[in-house]
């Protein structure tokens, strides 16, 4: 770009500092040379020099060769006679940038030697006889001087190689902007616009934006840092998700053990009841005495009475009386479909109030399902919990969110417990109960027959269908791997 400089020597013997008066190119690109080279530049040497925010700038000139140097005559065909030399610059110590044609290695050596005494901050070289395009790489033997690259360390200034066309255009502009204000291009317009002193200068000023060349070690360090950040983010996210899922599993395990959640009732996991817990449900002798007469025929079909063998537990007979008035009449075992025989059949009553043959309900609860075959109330004991997986957590959370959007409808067993709390020992449903005084242990020690094949088929029909397949089955391998790393993803 073209800059207007003041001449430090003025008339009458007075001197003033040499300063930049105008950046002609910036004010009007039509009044001076301007070119921006974004590519086709190769860094040959990177000797450290002072930079301003990563830039090197200065006046462009061609170093002077000695007249007896063989390169003096050889360079005339590449360097115009009026190209800016140091003598054509303002007589002050401005920062300089040399422009040199790489004719031969020996001539370049002569140019570098001539420029070594100047306030040089950089040198631009170009091979005038090369085809236009990207200059050769920095390690090419075309840049050898005296058969080696030692010159890169001996110079105190960096060297940059330009393309042949860019170097020749800049050299032609140096030839045009080397004279007085009456000789440079657009002299009339410049004088009319800025009214400079005739002794001032218009010269070519260049600015190089440089960046330190990254070594292979620095590039690998940057790659490792990026990989480290990625691994840290992935690892931290995975750890956080695993921690959250662990807390959710612990919460679900606690709620299952407290009886707040039943996995089988939600269709999440098939559960079975330990036999020791099943045997805590009381045994009774089925005892149904139909009333002789009743004003209400419908009521006479209800109230099957069951006598407890435990004379020390009158509360059990009280409980039976309450339920016999509230539950439907149940004359048969709903598992084997065989009728109960009054005062003969031994039955086991679940906490929900439904009765079954002990051999039927024991095998059903211990091997098939933890839910009552009739009302689907849970018989799963508190304090017990199966292994909790992330899939179970996701399904329970989704079910809970879905149910929170619907109005609450209590189950059969919840409804019964609410009714039970409002009855007392004088409830009318207790009338007509007979209580046996024989010990219940004699019943529990008897060997129970195993259910028949059709009974087991009936058990399978009574269990609630549950999809216990792994939620990751059928997914691509990468999705299963992603879910194992990020368990929070659905």
Protein backbone atom coordinates (compact mmCIF):
# COMPACT_ATOMS: atom_id res chain seq x y z
CA UNK A 1 0.00 0.00 0.00
CA UNK A 2 1.10 3.57 -0.63
CA UNK A 3 2.01 5.87 2.26
CA UNK A 4 2.78 9.61 2.20
CA UNK A 5 5.86 10.45 4.32
CA UNK A 6 7.17 13.82 5.34
CA UNK A 7 10.72 14.80 4.45
CA UNK A 8 12.66 15.61 7.64
CA UNK A 9 14.76 18.24 5.78
CA UNK A 10 12.86 21.41 4.94
CA UNK A 11 13.84 24.83 3.51
CA UNK A 12 15.73 27.50 5.49
CA UNK A 13 17.75 24.81 7.20
CA UNK A 14 14.96 23.72 9.53
CA UNK A 15 14.37 19.99 10.12
CA UNK A 16 11.29 18.21 11.32
CA UNK A 17 10.84 14.53 12.32
CA UNK A 18 9.94 12.23 9.47
CA UNK A 19 6.37 11.01 10.01
CA UNK A 20 3.63 9.23 8.09
CA UNK A 21 1.28 11.94 6.84
CA UNK A 22 -1.36 9.90 5.05
CA UNK A 23 -2.20 6.31 4.26
CA UNK A 24 -3.20 7.02 0.70
CA UNK A 25 -4.38 3.48 -0.01
CA UNK A 26 -6.67 3.40 3.02
CA UNK A 27 -8.22 6.77 2.16
CA UNK A 28 -8.61 6.09 -1.52
CA UNK A 29 -7.66 2.82 -3.19
CA UNK A 30 -7.74 4.58 -6.55
CA UNK A 31 -4.74 6.80 -5.75
CA UNK A 32 -2.09 4.20 -4.86
CA UNK A 33 -1.00 0.61 -5.25
CA UNK A 34 -2.80 -1.94 -3.10
CA UNK A 35 -2.61 -5.75 -3.07
CA UNK A 36 -3.54 -8.40 -0.54
CA UNK A 37 -1.82 -11.79 -0.78
CA UNK A 38 -3.66 -14.38 1.30
CA UNK A 39 -1.85 -17.49 0.09
CA UNK A 40 1.06 -18.76 -1.96
CA UNK A 41 3.58 -17.82 0.72
CA UNK A 42 6.10 -20.27 2.18
CA UNK A 43 7.99 -19.60 5.41
CA UNK A 44 11.66 -20.40 4.80
CA UNK A 45 13.07 -19.27 8.15
CA UNK A 46 11.42 -18.08 11.35
CA UNK A 47 14.09 -16.14 13.17
CA UNK A 48 12.44 -14.15 15.94
CA UNK A 49 11.88 -10.46 15.29
CA UNK A 50 9.75 -7.91 17.17
CA UNK A 51 6.14 -8.02 16.00
CA UNK A 52 3.09 -5.90 16.75
CA UNK A 53 0.17 -8.20 17.51
CA UNK A 54 1.59 -10.86 15.21
CA UNK A 55 2.45 -8.55 12.30
CA UNK A 56 5.68 -7.38 10.66
CA UNK A 57 5.47 -4.13 8.76
CA UNK A 58 7.90 -1.78 7.06
CA UNK A 59 8.97 0.03 3.90
CA UNK A 60 9.73 -2.24 0.95
CA UNK A 61 13.07 -1.80 -0.85
CA UNK A 62 15.72 -3.73 -2.78
CA UNK A 63 19.15 -4.09 -1.06
CA UNK A 64 22.12 -2.52 -2.90
CA UNK A 65 24.75 -4.84 -4.33
CA UNK A 66 28.35 -3.82 -4.85
CA UNK A 67 29.15 -2.86 -8.41
CA UNK A 68 31.96 -5.40 -8.71
CA UNK A 69 29.64 -8.23 -7.63
CA UNK A 70 28.80 -10.51 -10.56
CA UNK A 71 25.19 -10.51 -9.38
CA UNK A 72 25.03 -6.73 -9.85
CA UNK A 73 24.79 -7.11 -13.63
CA UNK A 74 22.84 -10.37 -13.43
CA UNK A 75 20.09 -8.83 -11.32
CA UNK A 76 19.42 -5.96 -13.71
CA UNK A 77 17.16 -8.14 -15.86
CA UNK A 78 14.96 -8.86 -12.82
CA UNK A 79 15.25 -5.65 -10.80
CA UNK A 80 14.12 -2.47 -12.63
CA UNK A 81 16.61 0.40 -12.68
CA UNK A 82 14.27 2.73 -10.73
CA UNK A 83 13.20 0.17 -8.11
CA UNK A 84 13.24 1.65 -4.62
CA UNK A 85 16.66 1.42 -2.99
CA UNK A 86 17.69 2.55 0.46
CA UNK A 87 18.79 5.89 -0.96
CA UNK A 88 15.23 6.48 -2.23
CA UNK A 89 13.71 6.10 1.24
CA UNK A 90 13.15 8.92 3.75
CA UNK A 91 16.46 9.72 5.51
CA UNK A 92 15.51 8.18 8.83
CA UNK A 93 15.60 4.72 10.39
CA UNK A 94 12.29 3.24 9.32
CA UNK A 95 11.77 -0.50 9.64
CA UNK A 96 12.55 -2.10 6.28
CA UNK A 97 11.39 -5.21 4.44
CA UNK A 98 13.60 -6.35 1.57
CA UNK A 99 12.28 -7.69 -1.72
CA UNK A 100 14.80 -9.96 -3.52
CA UNK A 101 14.56 -12.14 -6.66
CA UNK A 102 16.05 -15.59 -6.00
CA UNK A 103 18.11 -15.70 -9.19
CA UNK A 104 20.82 -18.04 -7.95
CA UNK A 105 21.85 -19.15 -4.49
CA UNK A 106 25.03 -17.08 -4.66
CA UNK A 107 23.14 -13.92 -5.68
CA UNK A 108 20.66 -14.44 -2.85
CA UNK A 109 23.62 -14.78 -0.50
CA UNK A 110 24.93 -11.43 -1.77
CA UNK A 111 21.53 -9.77 -1.24
CA UNK A 112 21.34 -11.18 2.31
CA UNK A 113 24.85 -9.89 3.06
CA UNK A 114 23.96 -6.44 1.75
CA UNK A 115 20.78 -6.35 3.86
CA UNK A 116 22.47 -7.56 7.05
CA UNK A 117 23.57 -4.01 7.94
CA UNK A 118 20.11 -2.49 7.38
CA UNK A 119 17.27 -2.17 9.96
CA UNK A 120 15.63 -5.17 8.36
CA UNK A 121 12.73 -7.07 9.94
CA UNK A 122 11.96 -9.48 7.09
CA UNK A 123 12.95 -10.46 3.55
CA UNK A 124 10.58 -11.47 0.75
CA UNK A 125 12.08 -13.65 -1.99
CA UNK A 126 10.62 -15.09 -5.18
CA UNK A 127 11.95 -17.24 -8.01
CA UNK A 128 11.29 -15.11 -11.13
CA UNK A 129 11.70 -17.99 -13.61
CA UNK A 130 9.33 -20.41 -11.81
CA UNK A 131 5.80 -21.07 -12.91
CA UNK A 132 3.17 -19.20 -10.99
CA UNK A 133 1.77 -21.06 -8.02
CA UNK A 134 2.74 -22.12 -4.54
CA UNK A 135 6.50 -21.71 -3.94
CA UNK A 136 8.49 -24.87 -3.22
CA UNK A 137 8.41 -26.27 0.30
CA UNK A 138 10.81 -24.88 2.88
CA UNK A 139 12.92 -28.06 2.90
CA UNK A 140 13.29 -28.17 -0.90
CA UNK A 141 16.86 -28.20 -2.24
CA UNK A 142 15.91 -25.18 -4.40
CA UNK A 143 16.47 -23.03 -1.33
CA UNK A 144 19.99 -24.34 -0.67
CA UNK A 145 22.82 -21.81 -0.37
CA UNK A 146 26.30 -23.29 -0.60
CA UNK A 147 24.67 -26.70 -0.65
CA UNK A 148 23.06 -26.39 2.78
CA UNK A 149 20.41 -24.61 4.86
CA UNK A 150 22.79 -23.02 7.35
CA UNK A 151 21.80 -19.56 6.18
CA UNK A 152 18.47 -19.92 8.02
CA UNK A 153 20.23 -19.81 11.39
CA UNK A 154 22.85 -17.20 10.47
CA UNK A 155 20.37 -14.46 9.43
CA UNK A 156 18.83 -12.22 12.07
CA UNK A 157 15.63 -11.77 10.06
CA UNK A 158 12.96 -14.21 8.81
CA UNK A 159 12.65 -15.05 5.12
CA UNK A 160 9.36 -15.67 3.28
CA UNK A 161 9.00 -16.96 -0.28
CA UNK A 162 6.32 -15.49 -2.56
CA UNK A 163 4.94 -16.74 -5.84
CA UNK A 164 6.65 -15.55 -8.98
CA UNK A 165 3.75 -13.38 -10.17
CA UNK A 166 3.25 -11.66 -6.79
CA UNK A 167 6.95 -10.89 -6.47
CA UNK A 168 7.21 -9.44 -9.98
CA UNK A 169 4.11 -7.23 -9.49
CA UNK A 170 5.53 -5.83 -6.24
CA UNK A 171 8.89 -5.21 -7.94
CA UNK A 172 7.16 -3.24 -10.71
CA UNK A 173 5.38 -1.08 -8.11
CA UNK A 174 8.71 -0.40 -6.41
CA UNK A 175 9.90 0.88 -9.77
CA UNK A 176 6.91 3.27 -9.98
CA UNK A 177 6.93 4.54 -6.38
CA UNK A 178 10.59 5.49 -6.06
CA UNK A 179 10.65 9.06 -7.33
CA UNK A 180 9.43 12.46 -6.14
CA UNK A 181 5.82 13.55 -5.75
CA UNK A 182 5.85 14.75 -9.33
CA UNK A 183 6.85 11.32 -10.67
CA UNK A 184 4.80 8.76 -8.72
CA UNK A 185 1.48 7.48 -10.11
CA UNK A 186 -1.56 9.72 -9.47
CA UNK A 187 0.80 12.60 -8.56
CA UNK A 188 -1.70 15.29 -9.64
CA UNK A 189 -4.56 13.82 -7.62
CA UNK A 190 -2.34 13.30 -4.54
CA UNK A 191 -1.07 16.90 -4.66
CA UNK A 192 -4.60 18.24 -5.16
CA UNK A 193 -6.10 16.11 -2.40
CA UNK A 194 -3.44 16.31 0.33
CA UNK A 195 -1.35 19.40 -0.64
CA UNK A 196 1.96 17.79 0.45
CA UNK A 197 5.37 19.39 0.46
CA UNK A 198 7.19 18.70 -2.83
CA UNK A 199 10.02 17.14 -0.85
CA UNK A 200 7.75 14.55 0.77
CA UNK A 201 7.70 10.89 -0.24
CA UNK A 202 5.16 8.35 -1.42
CA UNK A 203 6.55 4.86 -0.88
CA UNK A 204 5.35 1.24 -0.74
CA UNK A 205 4.60 0.00 2.77
CA UNK A 206 3.82 -3.66 3.46
CA UNK A 207 2.43 -5.54 6.41
CA UNK A 208 2.99 -9.26 7.03
CA UNK A 209 0.69 -11.22 9.32
CA UNK A 210 2.81 -14.01 10.73
CA UNK A 211 2.18 -16.90 13.08
CA UNK A 212 4.76 -19.18 14.65
CA UNK A 213 5.07 -22.49 12.87
CA UNK A 214 3.72 -25.22 15.06
CA UNK A 215 6.07 -28.05 15.68
CA UNK A 216 4.94 -31.66 15.49
CA UNK A 217 5.21 -31.86 19.27
CA UNK A 218 2.93 -28.84 19.70
CA UNK A 219 0.36 -30.32 17.29
CA UNK A 220 0.35 -33.61 19.18
CA UNK A 221 0.05 -31.73 22.46
CA UNK A 222 -2.98 -29.88 21.08
CA UNK A 223 -4.51 -33.15 19.85
CA UNK A 224 -3.93 -34.76 23.25
CA UNK A 225 -5.50 -31.79 25.01
CA UNK A 226 -8.57 -32.00 22.79
CA UNK A 227 -8.81 -35.75 23.32
CA UNK A 228 -8.37 -35.22 27.05
CA UNK A 229 -11.22 -32.71 27.12
CA UNK A 230 -13.45 -35.07 25.12
CA UNK A 231 -12.63 -38.04 27.37
CA UNK A 232 -13.19 -35.89 30.46
CA UNK A 233 -16.57 -34.70 29.23
CA UNK A 234 -17.65 -38.21 28.20
CA UNK A 235 -16.30 -39.77 31.39
CA UNK A 236 -17.86 -37.09 33.60
CA UNK A 237 -21.22 -37.39 31.86
CA UNK A 238 -21.11 -41.19 32.09
CA UNK A 239 -20.13 -41.07 35.78
CA UNK A 240 -22.92 -38.61 36.54
CA UNK A 241 -25.49 -40.77 34.72
CA UNK A 242 -24.29 -43.92 36.50
CA UNK A 243 -24.48 -42.08 39.83
CA UNK A 244 -28.01 -40.85 39.11
CA UNK A 245 -29.10 -44.34 38.00
CA UNK A 246 -27.52 -45.84 41.14
CA UNK A 247 -29.54 -43.45 43.29
CA UNK A 248 -32.68 -44.32 41.36
CA UNK A 249 -32.04 -48.05 41.77
CA UNK A 250 -31.53 -47.55 45.51
CA UNK A 251 -34.73 -45.52 45.73
CA UNK A 252 -36.73 -48.15 43.83
CA UNK A 253 -35.22 -50.95 45.96
CA UNK A 254 -36.22 -49.10 49.14
CA UNK A 255 -39.77 -48.49 47.92
CA UNK A 256 -40.15 -52.14 46.89
CA UNK A 257 -38.95 -53.32 50.30
CA UNK A 258 -41.33 -50.86 52.02
CA UNK A 259 -44.25 -52.14 49.99
CA UNK A 260 -44.80 -48.82 48.19
CA UNK A 261 -44.12 -50.31 44.75
CA UNK A 262 -44.99 -53.75 43.42
CA UNK A 263 -42.96 -54.55 40.33
CA UNK A 264 -45.22 -57.35 39.19
CA UNK A 265 -48.39 -55.32 39.56
CA UNK A 266 -46.77 -52.68 37.33
CA UNK A 267 -45.90 -55.31 34.71
CA UNK A 268 -42.16 -54.86 35.20
CA UNK A 269 -40.87 -58.04 36.86
CA UNK A 270 -42.29 -61.47 37.63
CA UNK A 271 -42.01 -62.10 41.41
CA UNK A 272 -42.57 -65.13 43.62
CA UNK A 273 -43.21 -65.32 47.35
CA UNK A 274 -40.95 -67.30 49.73
CA UNK A 275 -42.74 -70.38 51.03
CA UNK A 276 -42.02 -69.39 54.62
CA UNK A 277 -43.95 -66.18 54.09
CA UNK A 278 -46.83 -67.97 52.38
CA UNK A 279 -47.26 -70.22 55.39
CA UNK A 280 -47.81 -67.18 57.62
CA UNK A 281 -51.21 -66.76 56.01
CA UNK A 282 -53.73 -68.55 58.26
CA UNK A 283 -55.38 -71.90 57.55
CA UNK A 284 -59.10 -72.43 58.16
CA UNK A 285 -61.73 -75.13 57.86
CA UNK A 286 -64.24 -74.08 55.28
CA UNK A 287 -67.59 -73.81 57.16
CA UNK A 288 -70.69 -72.58 55.43
CA UNK A 289 -74.07 -72.79 57.23
CA UNK A 290 -76.74 -71.33 54.97
CA UNK A 291 -79.39 -69.42 56.94
CA UNK A 292 -82.76 -71.19 57.48
CA UNK A 293 -84.74 -68.17 56.38
CA UNK A 294 -83.74 -64.77 55.30
CA UNK A 295 -85.76 -61.70 54.41
CA UNK A 296 -83.18 -60.93 51.79
CA UNK A 297 -82.66 -63.83 49.37
CA UNK A 298 -79.62 -62.20 47.83
CA UNK A 299 -77.92 -61.90 51.21
CA UNK A 300 -78.56 -65.58 51.98
CA UNK A 301 -76.28 -66.49 49.10
CA UNK A 302 -73.40 -64.67 50.81
CA UNK A 303 -71.50 -64.97 54.10
CA UNK A 304 -69.55 -68.22 53.95
CA UNK A 305 -68.25 -68.71 57.47
CA UNK A 306 -64.81 -70.13 58.11
CA UNK A 307 -63.76 -71.40 61.57
CA UNK A 308 -60.20 -70.86 62.67
CA UNK A 309 -58.22 -73.67 64.26
CA UNK A 310 -56.33 -71.17 66.37
CA UNK A 311 -58.41 -70.62 69.50
CA UNK A 312 -55.79 -68.15 70.73
CA UNK A 313 -56.53 -65.78 67.86
CA UNK A 314 -60.12 -64.57 68.18
CA UNK A 315 -59.10 -61.58 66.12
CA UNK A 316 -58.69 -63.92 63.16
CA UNK A 317 -62.28 -65.03 63.35
CA UNK A 318 -63.25 -61.37 63.72
CA UNK A 319 -61.35 -60.57 60.57
CA UNK A 320 -63.01 -63.39 58.72
CA UNK A 321 -66.40 -62.18 59.80
CA UNK A 322 -65.76 -58.74 58.40
CA UNK A 323 -64.56 -60.07 55.10
CA UNK A 324 -67.32 -62.64 54.78
CA UNK A 325 -69.80 -59.80 54.77
CA UNK A 326 -67.86 -57.77 52.21
CA UNK A 327 -66.40 -60.30 49.77
CA UNK A 328 -68.37 -62.27 47.23
CA UNK A 329 -69.41 -65.80 48.16
CA UNK A 330 -66.57 -68.13 47.11
CA UNK A 331 -67.66 -71.78 47.08
CA UNK A 332 -64.76 -73.06 44.91
CA UNK A 333 -61.00 -72.72 44.65
CA UNK A 334 -60.43 -70.47 41.65
CA UNK A 335 -57.16 -72.24 40.83
CA UNK A 336 -58.24 -75.87 40.57
CA UNK A 337 -61.97 -75.01 40.22
CA UNK A 338 -62.93 -77.67 42.80
CA UNK A 339 -65.71 -76.90 45.28
CA UNK A 340 -65.04 -76.52 48.98
CA UNK A 341 -66.71 -79.00 51.33
CA UNK A 342 -68.17 -77.42 54.42
CA UNK A 343 -66.45 -78.42 57.68
CA UNK A 344 -64.04 -80.67 55.75
CA UNK A 345 -61.92 -78.65 53.28
CA UNK A 346 -58.84 -76.90 54.62
CA UNK A 347 -58.36 -73.47 53.06
CA UNK A 348 -55.73 -70.77 53.20
CA UNK A 349 -56.88 -67.19 53.28
CA UNK A 350 -54.71 -64.42 51.83
CA UNK A 351 -54.48 -60.93 53.27
CA UNK A 352 -56.90 -59.70 50.61
CA UNK A 353 -59.60 -62.09 51.97
CA UNK A 354 -59.72 -64.62 49.12
CA UNK A 355 -59.47 -68.32 49.94
CA UNK A 356 -57.83 -71.22 48.10
CA UNK A 357 -56.63 -74.75 48.68
CA UNK A 358 -53.24 -74.52 50.45
CA UNK A 359 -51.56 -76.79 47.90
CA UNK A 360 -52.87 -74.64 45.05
CA UNK A 361 -52.11 -71.19 46.40
CA UNK A 362 -48.75 -72.22 47.90
CA UNK A 363 -47.41 -73.44 44.57
CA UNK A 364 -48.96 -70.52 42.70
CA UNK A 365 -47.37 -67.86 44.93
CA UNK A 366 -44.01 -69.61 45.31
CA UNK A 367 -43.51 -70.54 41.63
CA UNK A 368 -45.89 -68.54 39.44
CA UNK A 369 -46.76 -65.08 40.73
CA UNK A 370 -46.85 -62.93 43.86
CA UNK A 371 -50.30 -61.55 43.04
CA UNK A 372 -53.61 -62.92 44.24
CA UNK A 373 -55.12 -64.88 41.32
CA UNK A 374 -58.48 -63.18 41.86
CA UNK A 375 -57.96 -59.51 42.77
CA UNK A 376 -54.24 -59.16 41.85
CA UNK A 377 -53.38 -57.82 45.31
CA UNK A 378 -49.69 -58.22 46.13
CA UNK A 379 -48.60 -60.94 48.55
CA UNK A 380 -44.93 -60.04 48.18
CA UNK A 381 -43.42 -59.70 51.67
CA UNK A 382 -42.03 -56.43 52.91
CA UNK A 383 -38.28 -56.32 53.36
CA UNK A 384 -37.70 -58.37 50.20
CA UNK A 385 -36.59 -57.07 46.81
CA UNK A 386 -35.27 -58.71 43.62
CA UNK A 387 -32.12 -57.35 41.89
CA UNK A 388 -32.96 -53.91 40.45
CA UNK A 389 -31.68 -53.05 36.96
CA UNK A 390 -31.59 -49.80 35.01
CA UNK A 391 -34.27 -51.15 32.68
CA UNK A 392 -36.58 -51.72 35.65
CA UNK A 393 -35.89 -48.17 36.87
CA UNK A 394 -36.74 -46.70 33.47
CA UNK A 395 -39.97 -48.70 33.17
CA UNK A 396 -41.10 -47.86 36.72
CA UNK A 397 -40.35 -44.17 36.17
CA UNK A 398 -42.28 -44.16 32.90
CA UNK A 399 -45.22 -45.97 34.51
CA UNK A 400 -45.24 -43.52 37.42
CA UNK A 401 -45.25 -40.52 35.09
CA UNK A 402 -48.06 -42.07 33.05
CA UNK A 403 -50.16 -42.79 36.12
CA UNK A 404 -49.60 -39.31 37.53
CA UNK A 405 -51.55 -37.98 34.56
CA UNK A 406 -54.60 -40.14 35.43
CA UNK A 407 -56.99 -39.90 38.43
CA UNK A 408 -56.16 -42.33 41.25
CA UNK A 409 -58.43 -45.39 41.52
CA UNK A 410 -57.78 -47.51 44.62
CA UNK A 411 -57.42 -51.27 44.22
CA UNK A 412 -59.63 -53.93 45.76
CA UNK A 413 -57.36 -54.58 48.72
CA UNK A 414 -56.95 -50.86 49.48
CA UNK A 415 -60.71 -50.43 49.40
CA UNK A 416 -61.08 -53.35 51.79
CA UNK A 417 -58.57 -51.96 54.30
CA UNK A 418 -60.44 -48.64 54.35
CA UNK A 419 -63.70 -50.49 55.11
CA UNK A 420 -62.06 -52.71 57.74
CA UNK A 421 -60.86 -49.73 59.76
CA UNK A 422 -64.45 -48.56 60.25
CA UNK A 423 -65.84 -51.85 61.73
CA UNK A 424 -65.79 -53.08 65.32
CA UNK A 425 -66.21 -56.31 67.29
CA UNK A 426 -70.01 -55.94 67.34
CA UNK A 427 -70.28 -55.96 63.57
CA UNK A 428 -73.39 -57.90 62.39
CA UNK A 429 -71.25 -59.95 60.04
CA UNK A 430 -69.84 -61.86 63.01
CA UNK A 431 -73.16 -63.55 63.78
CA UNK A 432 -73.30 -67.30 63.12
CA UNK A 433 -69.49 -67.86 63.26
CA UNK A 434 -68.29 -71.02 64.94
CA UNK A 435 -64.71 -71.20 66.26
CA UNK A 436 -62.85 -74.47 66.58
CA UNK A 437 -60.58 -75.09 69.54
CA UNK A 438 -58.24 -77.58 67.82
CA UNK A 439 -54.64 -76.38 67.29
CA UNK A 440 -53.73 -75.15 63.76
CA UNK A 441 -50.34 -76.86 63.80
CA UNK A 442 -51.97 -80.20 63.13
CA UNK A 443 -53.09 -78.85 59.77
CA UNK A 444 -49.76 -77.36 58.74
CA UNK A 445 -47.83 -80.54 59.43
CA UNK A 446 -49.97 -82.59 57.07
CA UNK A 447 -48.42 -83.36 53.71
CA UNK A 448 -50.18 -81.40 51.01
CA UNK A 449 -50.81 -83.11 47.67
CA UNK A 450 -49.27 -81.58 44.58
CA UNK A 451 -51.59 -79.92 42.07
CA UNK A 452 -52.41 -81.87 38.96
CA UNK A 453 -51.38 -80.98 35.43
CA UNK A 454 -54.64 -79.20 34.52
CA UNK A 455 -54.34 -77.19 37.72
CA UNK A 456 -50.89 -75.97 36.71
CA UNK A 457 -52.25 -75.02 33.28
CA UNK A 458 -54.93 -73.07 35.08
CA UNK A 459 -52.23 -71.32 37.14
CA UNK A 460 -50.47 -70.19 33.98
CA UNK A 461 -53.73 -68.78 32.70
CA UNK A 462 -54.29 -66.80 35.91
CA UNK A 463 -50.90 -65.03 36.00
CA UNK A 464 -50.69 -61.48 34.68
CA UNK A 465 -48.82 -61.23 31.34
CA UNK A 466 -45.49 -59.46 31.84
CA UNK A 467 -42.94 -58.56 29.22
CA UNK A 468 -39.68 -59.39 30.95
CA UNK A 469 -37.50 -59.24 27.83
CA UNK A 470 -34.42 -57.10 28.03
CA UNK A 471 -35.20 -53.62 26.76
CA UNK A 472 -31.90 -53.65 24.83
CA UNK A 473 -32.73 -56.83 22.90
CA UNK A 474 -33.03 -56.23 19.19
CA UNK A 475 -31.13 -52.95 19.32
CA UNK A 476 -27.97 -52.41 17.25
CA UNK A 477 -24.69 -53.09 19.01
CA UNK A 478 -23.69 -49.42 19.07
CA UNK A 479 -26.94 -48.46 20.79
CA UNK A 480 -26.44 -51.11 23.45
CA UNK A 481 -22.87 -49.91 23.97
CA UNK A 482 -24.05 -46.30 24.22
CA UNK A 483 -26.68 -47.26 26.77
CA UNK A 484 -24.10 -49.10 28.88
CA UNK A 485 -21.92 -45.97 28.89
CA UNK A 486 -24.79 -43.51 29.26
CA UNK A 487 -27.45 -45.43 31.22
CA UNK A 488 -29.68 -42.39 31.50
CA UNK A 489 -30.53 -42.47 27.78
CA UNK A 490 -33.83 -44.11 26.94
